[in-house]
Protein backbone atom coordinates (compact mmCIF):
# COMPACT_ATOMS: atom_id res chain seq x y z
CA MET A 1 75.60 69.41 81.46
CA THR A 2 72.10 68.01 82.05
CA ASP A 3 69.07 67.72 79.79
CA GLY A 4 65.74 67.57 81.61
CA ARG A 5 66.04 65.22 84.49
CA ARG A 6 68.51 62.74 82.97
CA PRO A 7 72.26 63.37 82.89
CA THR A 8 73.73 63.06 79.42
CA THR A 9 77.45 63.35 80.14
CA GLY A 10 79.77 60.42 80.76
CA PRO A 11 79.34 56.83 79.59
CA ALA A 12 75.90 55.33 79.03
CA PRO A 13 74.13 54.62 82.33
CA GLN A 14 73.69 51.02 83.38
CA ARG A 15 69.99 50.01 83.63
CA ILE A 16 69.26 47.84 86.65
CA GLY A 17 66.08 46.22 87.91
CA PRO A 18 62.88 45.15 86.06
CA ALA A 19 60.32 47.64 84.78
CA TYR A 20 58.32 47.63 88.03
CA SER A 21 58.19 50.41 90.56
CA PHE A 22 60.11 50.09 93.76
CA ARG A 23 56.85 50.42 95.73
CA ALA A 24 55.18 47.57 93.78
CA ARG A 25 58.12 45.26 94.34
CA LEU A 26 58.27 46.15 98.02
CA THR A 27 54.51 45.48 98.39
CA ALA A 28 54.84 42.15 96.61
CA GLY A 29 57.72 41.21 98.83
CA LEU A 30 55.71 42.01 101.97
CA ILE A 31 52.81 39.93 100.69
CA ALA A 32 55.06 37.04 99.76
CA GLY A 33 57.09 37.19 102.92
CA ALA A 34 54.36 37.85 105.49
CA VAL A 35 50.77 37.63 104.21
CA VAL A 36 51.09 34.31 102.35
CA PRO A 37 52.68 32.41 105.30
CA LEU A 38 50.05 33.83 107.68
CA ALA A 39 47.24 32.87 105.32
CA GLY A 40 48.68 29.37 104.99
CA PHE A 41 48.92 29.03 108.74
CA GLY A 42 45.26 30.06 109.01
CA LEU A 43 44.21 27.48 106.44
CA VAL A 44 46.11 24.81 108.38
CA LEU A 45 44.14 25.70 111.50
CA VAL A 46 40.85 25.55 109.57
CA ALA A 47 41.80 22.19 108.06
CA ALA A 48 42.66 20.85 111.48
CA GLU A 49 39.22 21.85 112.84
CA LEU A 50 37.50 20.21 109.88
CA VAL A 51 39.43 17.00 110.44
CA ARG A 52 38.43 16.95 114.10
CA ALA A 53 34.83 17.56 113.07
CA GLY A 54 34.99 14.73 110.56
CA GLY A 55 34.49 16.98 107.53
CA LEU A 56 37.64 15.84 105.71
CA ASP A 57 39.08 12.39 105.27
CA SER A 58 42.76 11.73 105.87
CA THR A 59 43.75 11.65 102.17
CA LEU A 60 42.19 14.98 101.41
CA THR A 61 43.71 16.39 104.54
CA ALA A 62 47.17 15.25 103.45
CA LEU A 63 46.67 16.85 100.03
CA VAL A 64 45.60 20.12 101.61
CA LEU A 65 48.58 20.11 103.94
CA PHE A 66 50.94 19.30 101.06
CA ALA A 67 49.49 22.12 98.96
CA LEU A 68 49.81 24.54 101.84
CA ALA A 69 53.43 23.48 102.45
CA ALA A 70 54.23 23.89 98.76
CA ALA A 71 52.61 27.33 98.75
CA ILE A 72 54.64 28.38 101.75
CA ILE A 73 57.88 27.12 100.16
CA ILE A 74 57.07 28.92 96.91
CA ALA A 75 56.27 32.10 98.86
CA VAL A 76 59.58 31.91 100.74
CA VAL A 77 61.55 31.34 97.52
CA PHE A 78 59.67 34.18 95.81
CA ALA A 79 60.35 36.47 98.79
CA TYR A 80 64.04 35.56 98.73
CA PHE A 81 64.46 36.38 95.06
CA LEU A 82 62.30 39.48 95.38
CA ALA A 83 64.47 40.68 98.29
CA GLY A 84 67.51 40.24 96.10
CA ASN A 85 65.76 42.19 93.36
CA LEU A 86 65.07 45.00 95.84
CA THR A 87 68.60 45.15 97.24
CA GLN A 88 70.37 44.84 93.86
CA PRO A 89 69.65 48.45 92.80
CA LEU A 90 70.61 49.67 96.25
CA ARG A 91 73.92 47.80 96.02
CA GLU A 92 74.54 49.26 92.57
CA ILE A 93 73.85 52.75 93.88
CA ALA A 94 76.15 52.19 96.86
CA GLN A 95 78.95 50.99 94.56
CA ALA A 96 78.45 54.00 92.29
CA VAL A 97 78.64 56.37 95.26
CA GLU A 98 81.84 54.67 96.44
CA ARG A 99 83.41 55.09 92.98
CA VAL A 100 82.42 58.75 92.91
CA THR A 101 83.90 59.21 96.38
CA ALA A 102 87.13 57.61 95.12
CA GLY A 103 87.29 60.15 92.29
CA ASP A 104 85.65 58.30 89.37
CA LEU A 105 83.06 60.84 88.26
CA SER A 106 82.19 59.00 85.04
CA VAL A 107 80.01 56.30 86.63
CA ARG A 108 76.26 56.54 85.96
CA VAL A 109 73.33 54.34 87.12
CA GLU A 110 69.78 54.10 85.75
CA VAL A 111 66.66 52.32 86.96
CA ALA A 112 63.35 51.82 85.23
CA GLY A 113 60.31 53.85 86.10
CA GLU A 114 59.75 57.14 87.87
CA ASP A 115 59.53 55.92 91.45
CA GLU A 116 61.50 56.90 94.54
CA LEU A 117 64.47 54.71 93.61
CA ALA A 118 64.62 56.23 90.14
CA ARG A 119 64.60 59.73 91.59
CA LEU A 120 67.40 58.77 93.98
CA VAL A 121 69.49 57.45 91.10
CA GLU A 122 68.72 60.54 89.05
CA SER A 123 69.96 62.77 91.90
CA HIS A 124 73.16 60.75 92.11
CA ASN A 125 73.76 60.98 88.35
CA ARG A 126 73.08 64.71 88.37
CA LEU A 127 75.49 65.20 91.27
CA ALA A 128 78.21 63.15 89.56
CA ALA A 129 77.76 65.10 86.32
CA ASP A 130 77.97 68.43 88.15
CA LEU A 131 81.07 67.29 90.02
CA ALA A 132 82.69 66.16 86.77
CA ARG A 133 81.91 69.48 85.11
CA ARG A 134 83.20 71.51 88.03
CA ASN A 135 86.28 69.32 88.28
CA ALA A 136 86.98 69.97 84.60
CA GLU A 137 86.42 73.70 85.12
CA LEU A 138 88.77 73.71 88.09
CA GLY A 139 91.41 71.87 86.06
CA ARG A 140 91.14 74.43 83.27
CA ILE A 141 91.32 77.23 85.85
CA LEU A 142 94.48 75.82 87.43
CA LEU A 143 96.02 75.32 84.00
CA ALA A 144 95.18 78.88 83.01
CA ILE A 145 96.61 80.28 86.26
CA GLY A 146 99.77 78.22 85.85
CA GLU A 147 100.30 79.58 82.33
CA THR A 148 100.23 83.21 83.46
CA SER A 149 103.56 84.93 84.05
CA PRO A 150 104.31 88.50 85.15
CA ARG A 151 106.96 88.60 82.43
CA ASP A 152 104.23 88.49 79.77
CA GLY A 153 103.20 92.08 80.47
CA LEU A 154 99.88 93.42 81.72
CA ASP A 155 98.05 93.57 78.37
CA ARG A 156 99.01 90.05 77.35
CA LEU A 157 98.15 88.74 80.82
CA VAL A 158 94.66 90.27 80.71
CA ALA A 159 94.04 88.89 77.21
CA HIS A 160 95.17 85.40 78.26
CA ALA A 161 93.10 85.49 81.46
CA THR A 162 90.00 86.57 79.52
CA HIS A 163 90.39 83.77 76.98
CA SER A 164 90.99 81.20 79.72
CA ALA A 165 87.88 82.32 81.62
CA ARG A 166 85.75 81.98 78.51
CA GLU A 167 87.07 78.47 77.86
CA ALA A 168 86.96 77.27 81.48
CA PHE A 169 83.41 78.43 82.24
CA GLU A 170 81.95 77.86 78.75
CA MET A 171 81.01 81.53 78.35
CA ILE A 172 79.67 83.12 75.20
CA ASP A 173 81.95 86.10 75.80
CA ALA A 174 84.16 87.44 78.59
CA SER A 175 86.09 90.60 79.36
CA ILE A 176 88.23 92.02 82.16
CA HIS A 177 87.88 95.67 83.15
CA LEU A 178 90.68 97.13 85.27
CA GLY A 179 89.84 99.84 87.75
CA ASP A 180 86.86 100.35 90.06
CA PRO A 181 84.32 97.51 89.61
CA ALA A 182 81.53 99.99 90.40
CA ASP A 183 82.20 101.67 87.05
CA VAL A 184 80.94 98.54 85.25
CA ALA A 185 77.14 98.32 85.35
CA ILE A 186 75.54 95.16 86.74
CA GLU A 187 73.27 93.49 84.17
CA GLU A 188 69.92 91.96 85.06
CA VAL A 189 69.11 88.31 84.49
CA ILE A 190 66.39 88.03 81.81
CA PRO A 191 64.81 84.57 81.36
CA GLY A 192 65.46 83.09 77.94
CA GLU A 193 68.43 85.35 77.21
CA ALA A 194 72.17 85.00 77.82
CA ARG A 195 72.85 84.98 81.54
CA PRO A 196 75.30 87.69 82.76
CA ILE A 197 77.92 86.71 85.35
CA ARG A 198 80.64 88.71 87.06
CA ALA A 199 83.34 88.42 89.71
CA VAL A 200 85.44 91.15 91.28
CA LEU A 201 89.23 90.93 90.92
CA ALA A 202 89.92 91.45 94.61
CA LEU A 203 93.08 91.60 96.67
CA PRO A 204 93.10 91.70 100.47
CA ASP A 205 93.52 95.48 100.43
CA GLU A 206 92.26 96.54 97.02
CA ARG A 207 89.88 95.75 94.15
CA VAL A 208 91.78 95.94 90.87
CA GLY A 209 88.98 95.22 88.40
CA VAL A 210 86.07 93.00 87.46
CA LEU A 211 85.56 89.95 85.22
CA VAL A 212 82.25 89.94 83.33
CA GLY A 213 80.80 87.49 80.83
CA HIS A 214 77.64 85.83 79.50
CA LEU A 215 76.47 82.21 79.62
CA PRO A 216 74.05 80.41 77.30
CA ALA A 217 70.47 80.58 78.55
CA THR A 218 70.41 76.78 78.94
CA ARG A 219 73.61 76.70 81.02
CA SER A 220 73.00 76.02 84.72
CA TRP A 221 74.79 78.28 87.21
CA ASP A 222 74.70 77.87 90.98
CA ALA A 223 76.59 79.04 94.05
CA ALA A 224 79.38 76.50 93.56
CA ASP A 225 80.00 77.78 90.02
CA GLN A 226 80.08 81.35 91.30
CA ASP A 227 82.60 80.34 93.98
CA LEU A 228 84.86 78.88 91.28
CA LEU A 229 84.58 82.05 89.22
CA GLU A 230 85.46 84.21 92.22
CA LEU A 231 88.42 81.95 93.02
CA TYR A 232 89.65 82.38 89.46
CA ALA A 233 89.12 86.15 89.68
CA SER A 234 91.13 86.41 92.90
CA GLU A 235 94.05 84.51 91.37
CA ILE A 236 93.96 86.73 88.29
CA ALA A 237 93.98 89.77 90.57
CA VAL A 238 97.18 88.49 92.19
CA ALA A 239 98.70 87.83 88.76
CA ILE A 240 97.79 91.36 87.61
CA ARG A 241 99.35 92.89 90.70
CA ASN A 242 102.50 90.81 90.17
CA ALA A 243 102.65 91.93 86.54
CA GLU A 244 102.35 95.57 87.60
CA LEU A 245 105.08 95.17 90.20
CA PHE A 246 107.28 93.28 87.75
CA GLU A 247 106.86 96.06 85.19
CA GLN A 248 107.84 98.64 87.81
CA VAL A 249 110.88 96.59 88.81
CA GLU A 250 111.89 96.23 85.16
CA GLN A 251 111.63 99.97 84.63
CA GLN A 252 113.63 100.68 87.77
CA THR A 253 116.21 98.07 86.80
CA GLU A 254 116.56 99.57 83.34
CA ARG A 255 116.96 103.00 84.88
CA LEU A 256 119.61 101.70 87.28
CA VAL A 257 121.47 100.04 84.41
CA GLN A 258 121.44 103.32 82.52
CA LEU A 259 122.67 105.21 85.59
CA ASP A 260 125.38 102.61 86.18
CA ALA A 261 126.52 102.89 82.57
CA ALA A 262 126.55 106.68 82.84
CA LYS A 263 128.54 106.41 86.05
CA ASP A 264 131.09 104.12 84.38
CA ASP A 265 131.44 106.54 81.48
CA PHE A 266 131.91 109.38 83.94
CA LEU A 267 134.55 107.48 85.91
CA ARG A 268 136.48 106.58 82.78
CA GLY A 269 136.27 110.12 81.49
CA ILE A 270 137.27 111.81 84.71
CA SER A 271 140.10 109.34 85.29
CA HIS A 272 141.69 110.01 81.90
CA ASN A 273 140.99 113.75 81.94
CA LEU A 274 142.45 114.28 85.43
CA GLN A 275 145.47 112.04 85.16
CA THR A 276 147.21 114.09 82.46
CA PRO A 277 147.08 117.51 84.20
CA LEU A 278 147.99 115.92 87.54
CA THR A 279 151.06 114.35 85.98
CA SER A 280 152.09 117.72 84.59
CA ILE A 281 151.51 119.50 87.92
CA ARG A 282 153.56 116.92 89.80
CA ALA A 283 156.39 117.04 87.27
CA TYR A 284 156.64 120.83 87.37
CA ALA A 285 156.45 120.87 91.17
CA GLU A 286 159.24 118.29 91.41
CA GLN A 287 161.34 120.27 88.92
CA LEU A 288 160.88 123.50 90.86
CA GLY A 289 161.53 121.71 94.14
CA ALA A 290 164.85 120.46 92.80
CA GLU A 291 165.90 124.03 92.01
CA ARG A 292 164.94 125.51 95.38
CA ALA A 293 163.64 124.30 98.73
CA ASP A 294 160.06 125.38 99.25
CA ARG A 295 157.55 123.67 101.53
CA ARG A 296 154.71 124.80 99.31
CA LEU A 297 156.18 122.88 96.38
CA GLU A 298 156.43 119.79 98.59
CA ILE A 299 152.75 120.15 99.49
CA ILE A 300 151.84 120.50 95.81
CA THR A 301 153.80 117.35 95.02
CA GLU A 302 152.25 115.38 97.89
CA GLN A 303 148.68 116.44 97.12
CA SER A 304 149.03 115.87 93.39
CA GLU A 305 150.35 112.39 94.15
CA ARG A 306 147.39 111.82 96.46
CA LEU A 307 144.95 112.95 93.77
CA SER A 308 146.74 110.76 91.26
CA ARG A 309 146.24 107.74 93.51
CA MET A 310 142.52 108.56 93.80
CA VAL A 311 142.25 108.84 90.02
CA ARG A 312 143.93 105.45 89.63
CA GLN A 313 141.40 104.02 92.08
CA LEU A 314 138.52 105.40 90.03
CA LEU A 315 140.06 104.00 86.87
CA ALA A 316 140.50 100.62 88.58
CA VAL A 317 136.80 100.61 89.58
CA SER A 318 135.82 101.29 85.98
CA ARG A 319 138.04 98.50 84.65
CA LEU A 320 136.91 96.05 87.30
CA GLU A 321 133.24 96.59 86.49
CA ALA A 322 133.90 96.47 82.76
CA GLY A 323 135.94 93.27 83.14
CA THR A 324 138.91 94.77 81.30
CA LEU A 325 141.42 94.64 84.15
CA ARG A 326 144.34 92.39 83.17
CA PRO A 327 147.03 92.19 85.90
CA ARG A 328 150.59 91.29 84.97
CA ALA A 329 152.38 88.44 86.73
CA GLU A 330 155.65 90.00 87.93
CA VAL A 331 158.04 88.35 90.35
CA LEU A 332 159.15 90.92 92.92
CA ALA A 333 160.42 91.33 96.45
CA LEU A 334 157.53 92.42 98.62
CA ALA A 335 159.34 94.12 101.52
CA PRO A 336 160.80 96.96 99.38
CA ARG A 337 157.38 97.62 97.83
CA ILE A 338 155.87 97.87 101.34
CA ARG A 339 158.44 100.47 102.42
CA HIS A 340 158.08 102.38 99.16
CA ALA A 341 154.29 102.54 99.56
CA TRP A 342 154.57 103.78 103.13
CA ASP A 343 157.15 106.42 102.26
CA ALA A 344 155.02 107.66 99.36
CA LEU A 345 152.25 108.61 101.80
CA GLY A 346 154.58 110.97 103.65
CA ALA A 347 153.10 110.13 107.06
CA THR A 348 156.26 110.93 108.97
CA GLU A 349 154.34 111.71 112.14
CA VAL A 350 152.98 108.14 112.41
CA PRO A 351 155.39 105.42 113.65
CA PHE A 352 155.76 102.47 111.26
CA ARG A 353 157.38 99.05 111.68
CA LEU A 354 157.86 96.22 109.20
CA ASP A 355 158.53 92.69 110.47
CA ASP A 356 159.91 90.69 107.55
CA GLU A 357 159.68 86.98 108.39
CA ALA A 358 159.95 85.83 104.77
CA PRO A 359 163.52 86.44 103.64
CA GLY A 360 164.13 85.18 100.11
CA TRP A 361 160.45 84.79 99.28
CA LEU A 362 159.19 86.59 96.16
CA ALA A 363 155.62 87.65 95.44
CA ILE A 364 153.93 87.15 92.07
CA ALA A 365 151.87 90.28 91.46
CA ASP A 366 151.32 93.31 89.27
CA ARG A 367 153.62 96.06 90.58
CA ASP A 368 151.28 98.99 89.91
CA GLN A 369 148.19 97.22 91.24
CA LEU A 370 150.11 96.07 94.32
CA ASP A 371 151.11 99.67 95.00
CA GLN A 372 147.44 100.69 94.84
CA VAL A 373 146.52 98.00 97.36
CA LEU A 374 149.29 99.00 99.78
CA TRP A 375 148.51 102.72 99.49
CA ALA A 376 144.83 102.12 100.21
CA VAL A 377 145.43 99.90 103.26
CA PHE A 378 148.13 102.19 104.68
CA ASP A 379 145.96 105.25 104.06
CA ASN A 380 143.10 103.55 105.90
CA ALA A 381 145.42 102.73 108.85
CA ILE A 382 146.63 106.33 109.05
CA LYS A 383 143.09 107.77 108.91
CA TYR A 384 141.51 105.49 111.49
CA GLY A 385 144.56 104.76 113.64
CA THR A 386 144.36 108.13 115.43
CA GLY A 387 148.13 108.57 115.24
CA ALA A 388 148.92 105.16 116.75
CA PRO A 389 151.80 103.09 115.31
CA VAL A 390 151.14 101.08 112.15
CA GLN A 391 152.67 97.62 111.93
CA ALA A 392 153.22 95.41 108.88
CA ARG A 393 154.09 91.73 109.29
CA LEU A 394 155.26 89.70 106.30
CA ARG A 395 155.39 85.91 106.63
CA PRO A 396 155.31 82.90 104.28
CA GLU A 397 152.74 80.12 104.14
CA PRO A 398 154.56 77.21 102.48
CA ALA A 399 151.52 74.92 102.53
CA THR A 400 149.64 77.18 100.11
CA GLY A 401 152.62 78.78 98.39
CA GLN A 402 151.59 82.27 99.45
CA LEU A 403 153.01 85.32 101.17
CA LEU A 404 150.84 86.80 103.92
CA LEU A 405 151.05 90.49 104.75
CA THR A 406 149.13 91.71 107.81
CA ILE A 407 148.79 95.47 108.27
CA SER A 408 147.37 96.57 111.62
CA ASP A 409 146.79 99.91 113.30
CA GLY A 410 146.23 100.99 116.88
CA GLY A 411 142.84 102.58 116.30
CA PRO A 412 139.44 101.66 117.75
CA GLY A 413 138.91 98.84 115.25
CA VAL A 414 135.90 98.08 113.08
CA PRO A 415 132.46 97.84 114.76
CA ASP A 416 130.71 94.51 114.38
CA GLU A 417 127.79 96.06 112.48
CA ALA A 418 130.19 97.56 109.90
CA ARG A 419 132.35 94.48 109.21
CA GLU A 420 130.09 92.91 106.58
CA MET A 421 129.89 96.07 104.47
CA LEU A 422 133.50 97.14 104.88
CA PHE A 423 134.52 95.94 101.40
CA GLU A 424 131.42 97.26 99.64
CA ARG A 425 131.71 100.09 97.14
CA TYR A 426 131.35 103.58 98.60
CA SER A 427 131.25 102.20 102.14
CA ARG A 428 132.89 104.51 104.65
CA GLY A 429 133.10 104.72 108.40
CA ALA A 430 129.99 106.35 109.82
CA GLY A 431 129.76 109.09 112.41
CA PRO A 432 131.20 112.58 112.82
CA ASP A 433 134.53 111.29 114.16
CA HIS A 434 135.34 109.37 110.98
CA PRO A 435 137.38 111.15 108.30
CA GLU A 436 136.10 111.71 104.82
CA GLY A 437 137.02 109.38 101.97
CA THR A 438 135.87 108.00 98.63
CA GLY A 439 134.69 104.69 100.08
CA ILE A 440 136.29 102.67 97.26
CA GLY A 441 139.82 102.10 98.56
CA LEU A 442 139.21 98.81 100.37
CA TYR A 443 136.78 97.60 97.69
CA VAL A 444 139.36 98.19 94.95
CA SER A 445 142.13 96.65 97.07
CA ARG A 446 140.24 93.40 97.64
CA GLU A 447 139.23 93.11 93.98
CA LEU A 448 142.80 93.80 92.82
CA CYS A 449 144.10 91.10 95.17
CA ARG A 450 141.58 88.65 93.76
CA ALA A 451 142.54 89.60 90.21
CA MET A 452 146.19 88.83 91.05
CA GLY A 453 145.23 85.39 92.37
CA GLY A 454 145.26 86.32 96.04
CA SER A 455 142.85 87.59 98.65
CA MET A 456 142.32 90.30 101.23
CA THR A 457 140.45 89.79 104.49
CA LEU A 458 139.68 91.63 107.70
CA ASP A 459 141.06 89.71 110.67
CA GLN A 460 138.94 88.88 113.67
CA PRO A 461 139.11 91.59 116.34
CA ARG A 462 141.46 91.11 119.28
CA PRO A 463 141.47 92.92 122.63
CA ASN A 464 143.32 96.26 122.73
CA THR A 465 144.10 96.21 119.00
CA GLY A 466 142.76 98.11 116.04
CA ALA A 467 141.81 96.87 112.59
CA ALA A 468 144.07 94.29 110.93
CA PHE A 469 143.95 93.39 107.23
CA THR A 470 145.70 90.33 105.80
CA ILE A 471 146.75 90.29 102.14
CA ALA A 472 147.59 86.91 100.59
CA LEU A 473 149.52 86.78 97.30
CA PRO A 474 150.96 83.92 95.23
CA ALA A 475 154.67 83.54 95.91
CA GLU A 476 157.86 81.66 95.12
CA SER A 477 159.94 80.11 97.88
CA PRO A 478 163.69 80.75 98.04
CA ALA A 479 164.35 77.25 96.71
CA ALA A 480 162.05 77.81 93.73
CA ALA A 481 163.56 81.24 93.08
CA GLU A 482 167.10 79.81 93.02
CA ALA A 483 166.05 77.03 90.67
């Protein structure tokens, strides 16, 4: 802030120079440095003429010459010190400007009088004070912007931004109006009354509101101050937009959480409610089939078993997402489970071969969950293998203590663009040539393998082969099993 022509902020100014004007000292210096030596030289010439004319004796001539020499020496000494007196304020001003340039805005300089040098110093002090004030305003603006967060909500953000604007720009009052800035009337500046200021909250493609306030009548306000206010307004506009977007995202996230919870409840309900009647249907069909041979009863049994597997998949999804799936650690021979899973699908028209290269090795897995994994992978091979033979290869990996089961089909394989999403929930093969499915079989299979301490991966494609999935499960070697 300034008062009249003298800055009043910062430490007390340092007074330099005597109480004489710069012009008076410069004039005196010119006289001492130029006029006096010239006058002395003229007197020497006059004295020399008088001596030649016989008007002065030698003693008087010597005294005159000595006096003139002394006057010249005194004039030179006076000019030297006066030159230092003239350059001292200029050096002080230069040092002050250098300190301001280096970032020290607290330095102030003062000279006596109201001459040109004093006005120069006054301009410097006023500039330093303005820079210090604007630097402080900018610091408060940056602090206020850094304290804003879209998580605070729109109302709290607007209230905080309004308070920060009032503090940063020393306003009497301030307010933020959201909407069209044209709806807020522009006030006129009336001398002697509070000065109205405003800045539009502008984004590159939209104006979201306007910041208005009032300054004390004695408060100076120039283009640089207005630029700072508009900078602050633009940052607040970005913060407001972020808060609006964050609120929308929160609402959508909450809605998705609710839908996900409803979906989980539905899956749990439908799994339990379908499993009981399916069990009854399958039991009655098997009982009737034992009494008489009827292909229709076989179809009922096969389809009810298929629906039962789908229900177990849905129930597994629900338990996986709820974190309630607890697999048992059973030691079992894997080859018989592989054949049992294949036979349960009833795909007699598709050739199947099992290569057991791990005699004596036992897998450590949950029997029911392992059956679900095998059913899903075999079902996928039958669907997409287009009737080609399905091959299962079982081999040990002693280094990791695992059994590896690779199931491959003779279909077209998995396109490169579909490989990354193959194990995602509800991801199915695209296109009219792909059969229908739930899209959860492979997802559930991989998660069940992980829950049992193993893994399931899609092998890299090879020429003239279809899709190949490798299942890794913890295992016991024959030596460990015998011990």
